[in-house]
Amino acid sequence: MINIIKVNRIKVYAYHGCLPEEGIIGGNYEVNVVLHTNFIEAAKTDDLTKTIDYVLVNKIVEEEMAIRSKLIEQVGLRILNRFKIELNNLDKSHIEIVKISPPINGDVESVSVILEK
C-alpha cells in the first residue's frame, strides 16, 4: 500500500542564482515535499521508526538549501538524492522549490522547479 506524507511550505532564506548579487543578498524560498511510502505499520503501532520522520525531511531540505548553487534545479536533485539515501521505506519523492520574487525583468511573484524521483 502506498501512503503519502507532505511537508508543505518549508521556508528558507538562501543564496541561489546565476547573478553574483544573489550570492550576496540572497532571497526567500519555499520548498514543498511529497513522499510516497507505506506507513500502515507505523499507524498500527504508533512507532516513528516505521515511517518517515518530518524532522529529518526538514533538516535535509535546510542543509541542502544552505549550499549555494546557481540553479535551484541542482539543489532539488541534491535533496532528492539525500532523501533516497536517508529516508527509510521511501518509494518515490517529489519536490518543488519556489523562488519568491526572482530578480528577472518583469513582475513575477515566483518561479519554481519540480523534480520527482
PDB file of N, CA and C in Angstrom:
ATOM      1  N   MET A   1       0.845  -1.184   0.000  1.00  0.00           N
ATOM      2  CA  MET A   1       0.000   0.000   0.000  1.00  0.00           C
ATOM      3  C   MET A   1       0.886   1.242   0.000  1.00  0.00           C
ATOM      4  N   ILE A   2       0.528   2.206  -0.785  1.00  0.00           N
ATOM      5  CA  ILE A   2       1.265   3.469  -0.836  1.00  0.00           C
ATOM      6  C   ILE A   2       0.486   4.533  -0.064  1.00  0.00           C
ATOM      7  N   ASN A   3       1.191   5.218   0.800  1.00  0.00           N
ATOM      8  CA  ASN A   3       0.649   6.342   1.542  1.00  0.00           C
ATOM      9  C   ASN A   3       1.504   7.557   1.216  1.00  0.00           C
ATOM     10  N   ILE A   4       0.976   8.716   1.475  1.00  0.00           N
ATOM     11  CA  ILE A   4       1.677   9.949   1.131  1.00  0.00           C
ATOM     12  C   ILE A   4       1.859  10.822   2.364  1.00  0.00           C
ATOM     13  N   ILE A   5       3.071  11.328   2.515  1.00  0.00           N
ATOM     14  CA  ILE A   5       3.393  12.314   3.536  1.00  0.00           C
ATOM     15  C   ILE A   5       3.777  13.593   2.799  1.00  0.00           C
ATOM     16  N   LYS A   6       3.190  14.715   3.207  1.00  0.00           N
ATOM     17  CA  LYS A   6       3.529  16.003   2.611  1.00  0.00           C
ATOM     18  C   LYS A   6       4.117  16.912   3.684  1.00  0.00           C
ATOM     19  N   VAL A   7       5.185  17.583   3.334  1.00  0.00           N
ATOM     20  CA  VAL A   7       5.747  18.620   4.193  1.00  0.00           C
ATOM     21  C   VAL A   7       5.672  19.888   3.357  1.00  0.00           C
ATOM     22  N   ASN A   8       4.838  20.807   3.788  1.00  0.00           N
ATOM     23  CA  ASN A   8       4.465  21.958   2.969  1.00  0.00           C
ATOM     24  C   ASN A   8       5.117  23.262   3.414  1.00  0.00           C
ATOM     25  N   ARG A   9       5.539  24.020   2.420  1.00  0.00           N
ATOM     26  CA  ARG A   9       5.999  25.398   2.601  1.00  0.00           C
ATOM     27  C   ARG A   9       7.116  25.531   3.634  1.00  0.00           C
ATOM     28  N   ILE A  10       8.153  24.712   3.481  1.00  0.00           N
ATOM     29  CA  ILE A  10       9.345  24.874   4.301  1.00  0.00           C
ATOM     30  C   ILE A  10       9.981  26.199   3.871  1.00  0.00           C
ATOM     31  N   LYS A  11      10.069  27.126   4.777  1.00  0.00           N
ATOM     32  CA  LYS A  11      10.564  28.462   4.440  1.00  0.00           C
ATOM     33  C   LYS A  11      12.057  28.554   4.754  1.00  0.00           C
ATOM     34  N   VAL A  12      12.822  28.985   3.747  1.00  0.00           N
ATOM     35  CA  VAL A  12      14.261  29.149   3.932  1.00  0.00           C
ATOM     36  C   VAL A  12      14.728  30.426   3.241  1.00  0.00           C
ATOM     37  N   TYR A  13      15.792  30.974   3.761  1.00  0.00           N
ATOM     38  CA  TYR A  13      16.473  32.087   3.117  1.00  0.00           C
ATOM     39  C   TYR A  13      17.759  31.512   2.573  1.00  0.00           C
ATOM     40  N   ALA A  14      17.990  31.666   1.262  1.00  0.00           N
ATOM     41  CA  ALA A  14      19.153  31.033   0.644  1.00  0.00           C
ATOM     42  C   ALA A  14      19.764  31.949  -0.407  1.00  0.00           C
ATOM     43  N   TYR A  15      20.891  31.519  -0.955  1.00  0.00           N
ATOM     44  CA  TYR A  15      21.706  32.361  -1.825  1.00  0.00           C
ATOM     45  C   TYR A  15      21.929  31.727  -3.207  1.00  0.00           C
ATOM     46  N   HIS A  16      20.861  31.272  -3.835  1.00  0.00           N
ATOM     47  CA  HIS A  16      20.964  30.635  -5.142  1.00  0.00           C
ATOM     48  C   HIS A  16      20.701  31.640  -6.252  1.00  0.00           C
ATOM     49  N   GLY A  17      21.317  31.392  -7.394  1.00  0.00           N
ATOM     50  CA  GLY A  17      21.064  32.231  -8.554  1.00  0.00           C
ATOM     51  C   GLY A  17      22.309  32.437  -9.385  1.00  0.00           C
ATOM     52  N   CYS A  18      22.109  32.773 -10.632  1.00  0.00           N
ATOM     53  CA  CYS A  18      23.216  32.991 -11.569  1.00  0.00           C
ATOM     54  C   CYS A  18      23.855  34.367 -11.413  1.00  0.00           C
ATOM     55  N   LEU A  19      23.111  35.309 -10.875  1.00  0.00           N
ATOM     56  CA  LEU A  19      23.649  36.657 -10.705  1.00  0.00           C
ATOM     57  C   LEU A  19      24.538  36.720  -9.467  1.00  0.00           C
ATOM     58  N   PRO A  20      25.688  37.398  -9.563  1.00  0.00           N
ATOM     59  CA  PRO A  20      26.581  37.500  -8.398  1.00  0.00           C
ATOM     60  C   PRO A  20      25.888  38.097  -7.169  1.00  0.00           C
ATOM     61  N   GLU A  21      24.989  39.077  -7.403  1.00  0.00           N
ATOM     62  CA  GLU A  21      24.285  39.702  -6.279  1.00  0.00           C
ATOM     63  C   GLU A  21      23.450  38.702  -5.481  1.00  0.00           C
ATOM     64  N   GLU A  22      22.915  37.695  -6.167  1.00  0.00           N
ATOM     65  CA  GLU A  22      22.084  36.699  -5.478  1.00  0.00           C
ATOM     66  C   GLU A  22      22.907  35.927  -4.451  1.00  0.00           C
ATOM     67  N   GLY A  23      24.192  35.754  -4.728  1.00  0.00           N
ATOM     68  CA  GLY A  23      25.062  35.075  -3.779  1.00  0.00           C
ATOM     69  C   GLY A  23      25.406  35.935  -2.573  1.00  0.00           C
ATOM     70  N   ILE A  24      25.181  37.235  -2.698  1.00  0.00           N
ATOM     71  CA  ILE A  24      25.477  38.160  -1.603  1.00  0.00           C
ATOM     72  C   ILE A  24      24.207  38.527  -0.844  1.00  0.00           C
ATOM     73  N   ILE A  25      23.158  38.867  -1.586  1.00  0.00           N
ATOM     74  CA  ILE A  25      21.906  39.349  -0.989  1.00  0.00           C
ATOM     75  C   ILE A  25      21.005  38.200  -0.547  1.00  0.00           C
ATOM     76  N   GLY A  26      20.905  37.164  -1.370  1.00  0.00           N
ATOM     77  CA  GLY A  26      20.041  36.029  -1.067  1.00  0.00           C
ATOM     78  C   GLY A  26      18.576  36.337  -1.336  1.00  0.00           C
ATOM     79  N   GLY A  27      17.733  35.392  -0.996  1.00  0.00           N
ATOM     80  CA  GLY A  27      16.307  35.568  -1.208  1.00  0.00           C
ATOM     81  C   GLY A  27      15.487  34.512  -0.490  1.00  0.00           C
ATOM     82  N   ASN A  28      14.176  34.691  -0.529  1.00  0.00           N
ATOM     83  CA  ASN A  28      13.250  33.780   0.138  1.00  0.00           C
ATOM     84  C   ASN A  28      12.841  32.638  -0.789  1.00  0.00           C
ATOM     85  N   TYR A  29      12.732  31.474  -0.196  1.00  0.00           N
ATOM     86  CA  TYR A  29      12.325  30.271  -0.909  1.00  0.00           C
ATOM     87  C   TYR A  29      11.311  29.509  -0.067  1.00  0.00           C
ATOM     88  N   GLU A  30      10.494  28.742  -0.752  1.00  0.00           N
ATOM     89  CA  GLU A  30       9.617  27.764  -0.094  1.00  0.00           C
ATOM     90  C   GLU A  30       9.836  26.426  -0.777  1.00  0.00           C
ATOM     91  N   VAL A  31       9.842  25.378   0.017  1.00  0.00           N
ATOM     92  CA  VAL A  31      10.041  24.036  -0.508  1.00  0.00           C
ATOM     93  C   VAL A  31       8.861  23.175  -0.077  1.00  0.00           C
ATOM     94  N   ASN A  32       8.276  22.499  -1.061  1.00  0.00           N
ATOM     95  CA  ASN A  32       7.166  21.575  -0.812  1.00  0.00           C
ATOM     96  C   ASN A  32       7.637  20.163  -1.144  1.00  0.00           C
ATOM     97  N   VAL A  33       7.352  19.237  -0.241  1.00  0.00           N
ATOM     98  CA  VAL A  33       7.825  17.868  -0.377  1.00  0.00           C
ATOM     99  C   VAL A  33       6.636  16.904  -0.326  1.00  0.00           C
ATOM    100  N   VAL A  34       6.638  15.936  -1.241  1.00  0.00           N
ATOM    101  CA  VAL A  34       5.645  14.862  -1.235  1.00  0.00           C
ATOM    102  C   VAL A  34       6.420  13.548  -1.227  1.00  0.00           C
ATOM    103  N   LEU A  35       6.149  12.701  -0.240  1.00  0.00           N
ATOM    104  CA  LEU A  35       6.858  11.441  -0.082  1.00  0.00           C
ATOM    105  C   LEU A  35       5.875  10.281  -0.145  1.00  0.00           C
ATOM    106  N   HIS A  36       6.147   9.338  -1.030  1.00  0.00           N
ATOM    107  CA  HIS A  36       5.326   8.134  -1.154  1.00  0.00           C
ATOM    108  C   HIS A  36       6.004   7.020  -0.355  1.00  0.00           C
ATOM    109  N   THR A  37       5.265   6.426   0.545  1.00  0.00           N
ATOM    110  CA  THR A  37       5.806   5.396   1.424  1.00  0.00           C
ATOM    111  C   THR A  37       4.661   4.489   1.873  1.00  0.00           C
ATOM    112  N   ASN A  38       4.968   3.529   2.675  1.00  0.00           N
ATOM    113  CA  ASN A  38       3.941   2.702   3.303  1.00  0.00           C
ATOM    114  C   ASN A  38       4.077   2.889   4.813  1.00  0.00           C
ATOM    115  N   PHE A  39       3.162   3.659   5.399  1.00  0.00           N
ATOM    116  CA  PHE A  39       3.259   3.907   6.842  1.00  0.00           C
ATOM    117  C   PHE A  39       2.159   3.198   7.642  1.00  0.00           C
ATOM    118  N   ILE A  40       1.549   2.182   7.069  1.00  0.00           N
ATOM    119  CA  ILE A  40       0.476   1.455   7.763  1.00  0.00           C
ATOM    120  C   ILE A  40       0.976   0.825   9.064  1.00  0.00           C
ATOM    121  N   GLU A  41       2.186   0.253   9.038  1.00  0.00           N
ATOM    122  CA  GLU A  41       2.739  -0.346  10.264  1.00  0.00           C
ATOM    123  C   GLU A  41       2.933   0.719  11.334  1.00  0.00           C
ATOM    124  N   ALA A  42       3.382   1.903  10.944  1.00  0.00           N
ATOM    125  CA  ALA A  42       3.524   2.998  11.905  1.00  0.00           C
ATOM    126  C   ALA A  42       2.167   3.416  12.454  1.00  0.00           C
ATOM    127  N   ALA A  43       1.159   3.445  11.593  1.00  0.00           N
ATOM    128  CA  ALA A  43      -0.187   3.819  12.027  1.00  0.00           C
ATOM    129  C   ALA A  43      -0.744   2.796  13.019  1.00  0.00           C
ATOM    130  N   LYS A  44      -0.449   1.530  12.782  1.00  0.00           N
ATOM    131  CA  LYS A  44      -0.933   0.470  13.673  1.00  0.00           C
ATOM    132  C   LYS A  44      -0.208   0.458  15.005  1.00  0.00           C
ATOM    133  N   THR A  45       1.111   0.725  14.970  1.00  0.00           N
ATOM    134  CA  THR A  45       1.928   0.566  16.173  1.00  0.00           C
ATOM    135  C   THR A  45       2.298   1.883  16.858  1.00  0.00           C
ATOM    136  N   ASP A  46       2.010   3.011  16.212  1.00  0.00           N
ATOM    137  CA  ASP A  46       2.377   4.328  16.736  1.00  0.00           C
ATOM    138  C   ASP A  46       3.897   4.441  16.922  1.00  0.00           C
ATOM    139  N   ASP A  47       4.648   3.879  15.947  1.00  0.00           N
ATOM    140  CA  ASP A  47       6.101   3.790  16.019  1.00  0.00           C
ATOM    141  C   ASP A  47       6.719   4.655  14.929  1.00  0.00           C
ATOM    142  N   LEU A  48       7.416   5.710  15.350  1.00  0.00           N
ATOM    143  CA  LEU A  48       8.032   6.648  14.411  1.00  0.00           C
ATOM    144  C   LEU A  48       9.047   5.976  13.493  1.00  0.00           C
ATOM    145  N   THR A  49       9.710   4.939  13.967  1.00  0.00           N
ATOM    146  CA  THR A  49      10.727   4.274  13.144  1.00  0.00           C
ATOM    147  C   THR A  49      10.126   3.531  11.953  1.00  0.00           C
ATOM    148  N   LYS A  50       8.822   3.386  11.918  1.00  0.00           N
ATOM    149  CA  LYS A  50       8.148   2.677  10.820  1.00  0.00           C
ATOM    150  C   LYS A  50       7.607   3.637   9.763  1.00  0.00           C
ATOM    151  N   THR A  51       7.959   4.911   9.882  1.00  0.00           N
ATOM    152  CA  THR A  51       7.502   5.903   8.911  1.00  0.00           C
ATOM    153  C   THR A  51       8.634   6.877   8.631  1.00  0.00           C
ATOM    154  N   ILE A  52       8.356   7.945   7.941  1.00  0.00           N
ATOM    155  CA  ILE A  52       9.355   8.960   7.620  1.00  0.00           C
ATOM    156  C   ILE A  52       9.225  10.106   8.615  1.00  0.00           C
ATOM    157  N   ASP A  53      10.333  10.448   9.222  1.00  0.00           N
ATOM    158  CA  ASP A  53      10.373  11.487  10.248  1.00  0.00           C
ATOM    159  C   ASP A  53      10.413  12.866   9.584  1.00  0.00           C
ATOM    160  N   TYR A  54       9.417  13.697   9.842  1.00  0.00           N
ATOM    161  CA  TYR A  54       9.339  15.041   9.238  1.00  0.00           C
ATOM    162  C   TYR A  54      10.521  15.906   9.645  1.00  0.00           C
ATOM    163  N   VAL A  55      11.044  15.673  10.855  1.00  0.00           N
ATOM    164  CA  VAL A  55      12.179  16.456  11.342  1.00  0.00           C
ATOM    165  C   VAL A  55      13.398  16.230  10.442  1.00  0.00           C
ATOM    166  N   LEU A  56      13.627  14.983  10.055  1.00  0.00           N
ATOM    167  CA  LEU A  56      14.741  14.659   9.163  1.00  0.00           C
ATOM    168  C   LEU A  56      14.517  15.249   7.771  1.00  0.00           C
ATOM    169  N   VAL A  57      13.292  15.209   7.292  1.00  0.00           N
ATOM    170  CA  VAL A  57      12.961  15.812   5.994  1.00  0.00           C
ATOM    171  C   VAL A  57      13.304  17.293   6.008  1.00  0.00           C
ATOM    172  N   ASN A  58      12.857  18.002   7.023  1.00  0.00           N
ATOM    173  CA  ASN A  58      13.128  19.431   7.151  1.00  0.00           C
ATOM    174  C   ASN A  58      14.628  19.701   7.243  1.00  0.00           C
ATOM    175  N   LYS A  59      15.345  18.888   8.006  1.00  0.00           N
ATOM    176  CA  LYS A  59      16.789  19.046   8.181  1.00  0.00           C
ATOM    177  C   LYS A  59      17.517  18.899   6.847  1.00  0.00           C
ATOM    178  N   ILE A  60      17.167  17.885   6.081  1.00  0.00           N
ATOM    179  CA  ILE A  60      17.792  17.667   4.774  1.00  0.00           C
ATOM    180  C   ILE A  60      17.557  18.868   3.864  1.00  0.00           C
ATOM    181  N   VAL A  61      16.317  19.338   3.807  1.00  0.00           N
ATOM    182  CA  VAL A  61      15.989  20.494   2.965  1.00  0.00           C
ATOM    183  C   VAL A  61      16.801  21.706   3.389  1.00  0.00           C
ATOM    184  N   GLU A  62      16.817  22.014   4.681  1.00  0.00           N
ATOM    185  CA  GLU A  62      17.554  23.186   5.159  1.00  0.00           C
ATOM    186  C   GLU A  62      19.045  23.076   4.875  1.00  0.00           C
ATOM    187  N   GLU A  63      19.632  21.901   5.078  1.00  0.00           N
ATOM    188  CA  GLU A  63      21.062  21.725   4.836  1.00  0.00           C
ATOM    189  C   GLU A  63      21.411  21.895   3.359  1.00  0.00           C
ATOM    190  N   GLU A  64      20.628  21.314   2.478  1.00  0.00           N
ATOM    191  CA  GLU A  64      20.922  21.415   1.045  1.00  0.00           C
ATOM    192  C   GLU A  64      20.628  22.811   0.503  1.00  0.00           C
ATOM    193  N   MET A  65      19.603  23.455   1.020  1.00  0.00           N
ATOM    194  CA  MET A  65      19.304  24.821   0.586  1.00  0.00           C
ATOM    195  C   MET A  65      20.396  25.792   1.048  1.00  0.00           C
ATOM    196  N   ALA A  66      21.151  25.447   2.077  1.00  0.00           N
ATOM    197  CA  ALA A  66      22.217  26.308   2.581  1.00  0.00           C
ATOM    198  C   ALA A  66      23.471  26.260   1.707  1.00  0.00           C
ATOM    199  N   ILE A  67      23.562  25.289   0.806  1.00  0.00           N
ATOM    200  CA  ILE A  67      24.708  25.166  -0.097  1.00  0.00           C
ATOM    201  C   ILE A  67      24.398  25.931  -1.373  1.00  0.00           C
ATOM    202  N   ARG A  68      25.152  26.976  -1.639  1.00  0.00           N
ATOM    203  CA  ARG A  68      24.881  27.839  -2.793  1.00  0.00           C
ATOM    204  C   ARG A  68      25.019  27.080  -4.108  1.00  0.00           C
ATOM    205  N   SER A  69      24.050  27.315  -4.991  1.00  0.00           N
ATOM    206  CA  SER A  69      24.066  26.814  -6.363  1.00  0.00           C
ATOM    207  C   SER A  69      23.552  27.912  -7.273  1.00  0.00           C
ATOM    208  N   LYS A  70      23.968  27.881  -8.516  1.00  0.00           N
ATOM    209  CA  LYS A  70      23.415  28.818  -9.489  1.00  0.00           C
ATOM    210  C   LYS A  70      21.978  28.438  -9.813  1.00  0.00           C
ATOM    211  N   LEU A  71      21.702  27.138  -9.881  1.00  0.00           N
ATOM    212  CA  LEU A  71      20.390  26.655 -10.301  1.00  0.00           C
ATOM    213  C   LEU A  71      19.663  25.938  -9.168  1.00  0.00           C
ATOM    214  N   ILE A  72      18.390  26.285  -8.985  1.00  0.00           N
ATOM    215  CA  ILE A  72      17.601  25.558  -7.979  1.00  0.00           C
ATOM    216  C   ILE A  72      17.319  24.138  -8.448  1.00  0.00           C
ATOM    217  N   GLU A  73      17.471  23.880  -9.728  1.00  0.00           N
ATOM    218  CA  GLU A  73      17.347  22.520 -10.242  1.00  0.00           C
ATOM    219  C   GLU A  73      18.399  21.613  -9.590  1.00  0.00           C
ATOM    220  N   GLN A  74      19.620  22.139  -9.439  1.00  0.00           N
ATOM    221  CA  GLN A  74      20.682  21.358  -8.813  1.00  0.00           C
ATOM    222  C   GLN A  74      20.375  21.104  -7.335  1.00  0.00           C
ATOM    223  N   VAL A  75      19.863  22.115  -6.668  1.00  0.00           N
ATOM    224  CA  VAL A  75      19.516  21.966  -5.249  1.00  0.00           C
ATOM    225  C   VAL A  75      18.448  20.881  -5.090  1.00  0.00           C
ATOM    226  N   GLY A  76      17.442  20.927  -5.951  1.00  0.00           N
ATOM    227  CA  GLY A  76      16.377  19.926  -5.891  1.00  0.00           C
ATOM    228  C   GLY A  76      16.893  18.520  -6.083  1.00  0.00           C
ATOM    229  N   LEU A  77      17.815  18.331  -7.013  1.00  0.00           N
ATOM    230  CA  LEU A  77      18.373  16.999  -7.248  1.00  0.00           C
ATOM    231  C   LEU A  77      19.171  16.528  -6.046  1.00  0.00           C
ATOM    232  N   ARG A  78      19.925  17.421  -5.434  1.00  0.00           N
ATOM    233  CA  ARG A  78      20.671  17.049  -4.222  1.00  0.00           C
ATOM    234  C   ARG A  78      19.724  16.603  -3.110  1.00  0.00           C
ATOM    235  N   ILE A  79      18.626  17.328  -2.947  1.00  0.00           N
ATOM    236  CA  ILE A  79      17.659  16.977  -1.898  1.00  0.00           C
ATOM    237  C   ILE A  79      17.061  15.604  -2.175  1.00  0.00           C
ATOM    238  N   LEU A  80      16.639  15.362  -3.408  1.00  0.00           N
ATOM    239  CA  LEU A  80      16.062  14.051  -3.748  1.00  0.00           C
ATOM    240  C   LEU A  80      17.063  12.917  -3.528  1.00  0.00           C
ATOM    241  N   ASN A  81      18.318  13.152  -3.876  1.00  0.00           N
ATOM    242  CA  ASN A  81      19.346  12.127  -3.672  1.00  0.00           C
ATOM    243  C   ASN A  81      19.535  11.820  -2.197  1.00  0.00           C
ATOM    244  N   ARG A  82      19.515  12.838  -1.362  1.00  0.00           N
ATOM    245  CA  ARG A  82      19.629  12.599   0.084  1.00  0.00           C
ATOM    246  C   ARG A  82      18.406  11.887   0.638  1.00  0.00           C
ATOM    247  N   PHE A  83      17.216  12.252   0.147  1.00  0.00           N
ATOM    248  CA  PHE A  83      16.009  11.542   0.582  1.00  0.00           C
ATOM    249  C   PHE A  83      16.162  10.055   0.313  1.00  0.00           C
ATOM    250  N   LYS A  84      16.629   9.720  -0.893  1.00  0.00           N
ATOM    251  CA  LYS A  84      16.764   8.310  -1.287  1.00  0.00           C
ATOM    252  C   LYS A  84      17.712   7.568  -0.350  1.00  0.00           C
ATOM    253  N   ILE A  85      18.788   8.230   0.059  1.00  0.00           N
ATOM    254  CA  ILE A  85      19.784   7.602   0.918  1.00  0.00           C
ATOM    255  C   ILE A  85      19.328   7.541   2.381  1.00  0.00           C
ATOM    256  N   GLU A  86      18.711   8.611   2.866  1.00  0.00           N
ATOM    257  CA  GLU A  86      18.489   8.755   4.309  1.00  0.00           C
ATOM    258  C   GLU A  86      17.091   8.430   4.815  1.00  0.00           C
ATOM    259  N   LEU A  87      16.109   8.352   3.938  1.00  0.00           N
ATOM    260  CA  LEU A  87      14.744   8.092   4.398  1.00  0.00           C
ATOM    261  C   LEU A  87      14.374   6.630   4.175  1.00  0.00           C
ATOM    262  N   ASN A  88      14.013   5.961   5.254  1.00  0.00           N
ATOM    263  CA  ASN A  88      13.617   4.552   5.173  1.00  0.00           C
ATOM    264  C   ASN A  88      12.244   4.407   4.533  1.00  0.00           C
ATOM    265  N   ASN A  89      12.057   3.345   3.816  1.00  0.00           N
ATOM    266  CA  ASN A  89      10.754   2.981   3.234  1.00  0.00           C
ATOM    267  C   ASN A  89      10.232   4.004   2.221  1.00  0.00           C
ATOM    268  N   LEU A  90      11.115   4.747   1.592  1.00  0.00           N
ATOM    269  CA  LEU A  90      10.698   5.741   0.611  1.00  0.00           C
ATOM    270  C   LEU A  90      10.549   5.082  -0.754  1.00  0.00           C
ATOM    271  N   ASP A  91       9.369   5.184  -1.329  1.00  0.00           N
ATOM    272  CA  ASP A  91       9.120   4.618  -2.650  1.00  0.00           C
ATOM    273  C   ASP A  91       9.346   5.647  -3.754  1.00  0.00           C
ATOM    274  N   LYS A  92       8.915   6.865  -3.524  1.00  0.00           N
ATOM    275  CA  LYS A  92       9.037   7.926  -4.515  1.00  0.00           C
ATOM    276  C   LYS A  92       8.994   9.260  -3.791  1.00  0.00           C
ATOM    277  N   SER A  93       9.731  10.232  -4.330  1.00  0.00           N
ATOM    278  CA  SER A  93       9.693  11.571  -3.738  1.00  0.00           C
ATOM    279  C   SER A  93       9.505  12.620  -4.826  1.00  0.00           C
ATOM    280  N   HIS A  94       8.902  13.704  -4.421  1.00  0.00           N
ATOM    281  CA  HIS A  94       8.534  14.804  -5.311  1.00  0.00           C
ATOM    282  C   HIS A  94       8.845  16.078  -4.543  1.00  0.00           C
ATOM    283  N   ILE A  95       9.544  16.989  -5.196  1.00  0.00           N
ATOM    284  CA  ILE A  95       9.898  18.228  -4.516  1.00  0.00           C
ATOM    285  C   ILE A  95       9.639  19.410  -5.434  1.00  0.00           C
ATOM    286  N   GLU A  96       9.162  20.488  -4.847  1.00  0.00           N
ATOM    287  CA  GLU A  96       9.001  21.746  -5.563  1.00  0.00           C
ATOM    288  C   GLU A  96       9.770  22.803  -4.788  1.00  0.00           C
ATOM    289  N   ILE A  97      10.671  23.498  -5.479  1.00  0.00           N
ATOM    290  CA  ILE A  97      11.392  24.615  -4.883  1.00  0.00           C
ATOM    291  C   ILE A  97      10.854  25.882  -5.531  1.00  0.00           C
ATOM    292  N   VAL A  98      10.371  26.782  -4.694  1.00  0.00           N
ATOM    293  CA  VAL A  98       9.763  28.030  -5.155  1.00  0.00           C
ATOM    294  C   VAL A  98      10.696  29.189  -4.788  1.00  0.00           C
ATOM    295  N   LYS A  99      11.124  29.925  -5.802  1.00  0.00           N
ATOM    296  CA  LYS A  99      11.951  31.112  -5.594  1.00  0.00           C
ATOM    297  C   LYS A  99      11.014  32.316  -5.631  1.00  0.00           C
ATOM    298  N   ILE A 100      10.895  32.985  -4.501  1.00  0.00           N
ATOM    299  CA  ILE A 100       9.950  34.088  -4.366  1.00  0.00           C
ATOM    300  C   ILE A 100      10.605  35.391  -4.844  1.00  0.00           C
ATOM    301  N   SER A 101       9.871  36.155  -5.619  1.00  0.00           N
ATOM    302  CA  SER A 101      10.340  37.433  -6.173  1.00  0.00           C
ATOM    303  C   SER A 101      11.700  37.308  -6.859  1.00  0.00           C
ATOM    304  N   PRO A 102      11.776  36.484  -7.895  1.00  0.00           N
ATOM    305  CA  PRO A 102      13.059  36.312  -8.581  1.00  0.00           C
ATOM    306  C   PRO A 102      13.493  37.607  -9.275  1.00  0.00           C
ATOM    307  N   PRO A 103      14.799  37.854  -9.331  1.00  0.00           N
ATOM    308  CA  PRO A 103      15.279  39.093  -9.948  1.00  0.00           C
ATOM    309  C   PRO A 103      15.325  38.980 -11.474  1.00  0.00           C
ATOM    310  N   ILE A 104      14.150  38.976 -12.066  1.00  0.00           N
ATOM    311  CA  ILE A 104      14.073  38.931 -13.520  1.00  0.00           C
ATOM    312  C   ILE A 104      13.362  40.191 -14.000  1.00  0.00           C
ATOM    313  N   ASN A 105      13.509  40.485 -15.241  1.00  0.00           N
ATOM    314  CA  ASN A 105      12.954  41.718 -15.798  1.00  0.00           C
ATOM    315  C   ASN A 105      11.454  41.539 -16.044  1.00  0.00           C
ATOM    316  N   GLY A 106      10.660  41.706 -15.000  1.00  0.00           N
ATOM    317  CA  GLY A 106       9.219  41.562 -15.107  1.00  0.00           C
ATOM    318  C   GLY A 106       8.580  41.482 -13.739  1.00  0.00           C
ATOM    319  N   ASP A 107       7.265  41.555 -13.728  1.00  0.00           N
ATOM    320  CA  ASP A 107       6.503  41.483 -12.488  1.00  0.00           C
ATOM    321  C   ASP A 107       6.119  40.024 -12.257  1.00  0.00           C
ATOM    322  N   VAL A 108       7.001  39.278 -11.588  1.00  0.00           N
ATOM    323  CA  VAL A 108       6.814  37.841 -11.380  1.00  0.00           C
ATOM    324  C   VAL A 108       6.825  37.554  -9.884  1.00  0.00           C
ATOM    325  N   GLU A 109       5.766  36.938  -9.399  1.00  0.00           N
ATOM    326  CA  GLU A 109       5.670  36.606  -7.974  1.00  0.00           C
ATOM    327  C   GLU A 109       6.685  35.537  -7.569  1.00  0.00           C
ATOM    328  N   SER A 110       6.804  34.499  -8.395  1.00  0.00           N
ATOM    329  CA  SER A 110       7.715  33.411  -8.069  1.00  0.00           C
ATOM    330  C   SER A 110       7.975  32.557  -9.301  1.00  0.00           C
ATOM    331  N   VAL A 111       9.036  31.774  -9.211  1.00  0.00           N
ATOM    332  CA  VAL A 111       9.297  30.720 -10.185  1.00  0.00           C
ATOM    333  C   VAL A 111       9.533  29.451  -9.378  1.00  0.00           C
ATOM    334  N   SER A 112       9.290  28.301  -9.985  1.00  0.00           N
ATOM    335  CA  SER A 112       9.528  27.071  -9.245  1.00  0.00           C
ATOM    336  C   SER A 112       9.997  25.970 -10.177  1.00  0.00           C
ATOM    337  N   VAL A 113      10.681  25.011  -9.602  1.00  0.00           N
ATOM    338  CA  VAL A 113      11.064  23.792 -10.312  1.00  0.00           C
ATOM    339  C   VAL A 113      10.472  22.618  -9.545  1.00  0.00           C
ATOM    340  N   ILE A 114      10.087  21.606 -10.276  1.00  0.00           N
ATOM    341  CA  ILE A 114       9.528  20.399  -9.684  1.00  0.00           C
ATOM    342  C   ILE A 114      10.354  19.215 -10.162  1.00  0.00           C
ATOM    343  N   LEU A 115      10.801  18.402  -9.214  1.00  0.00           N
ATOM    344  CA  LEU A 115      11.577  17.207  -9.525  1.00  0.00           C
ATOM    345  C   LEU A 115      10.917  16.029  -8.846  1.00  0.00           C
ATOM    346  N   GLU A 116      11.053  14.869  -9.475  1.00  0.00           N
ATOM    347  CA  GLU A 116      10.463  13.651  -8.919  1.00  0.00           C
ATOM    348  C   GLU A 116      11.436  12.504  -9.139  1.00  0.00           C
ATOM    349  N   LYS A 117      11.558  11.663  -8.135  1.00  0.00           N
ATOM    350  CA  LYS A 117      12.466  10.522  -8.248  1.00  0.00           C
ATOM    351  C   LYS A 117      11.853   9.312  -7.601  1.00  0.00           C
TER     352      LYS A 117
END
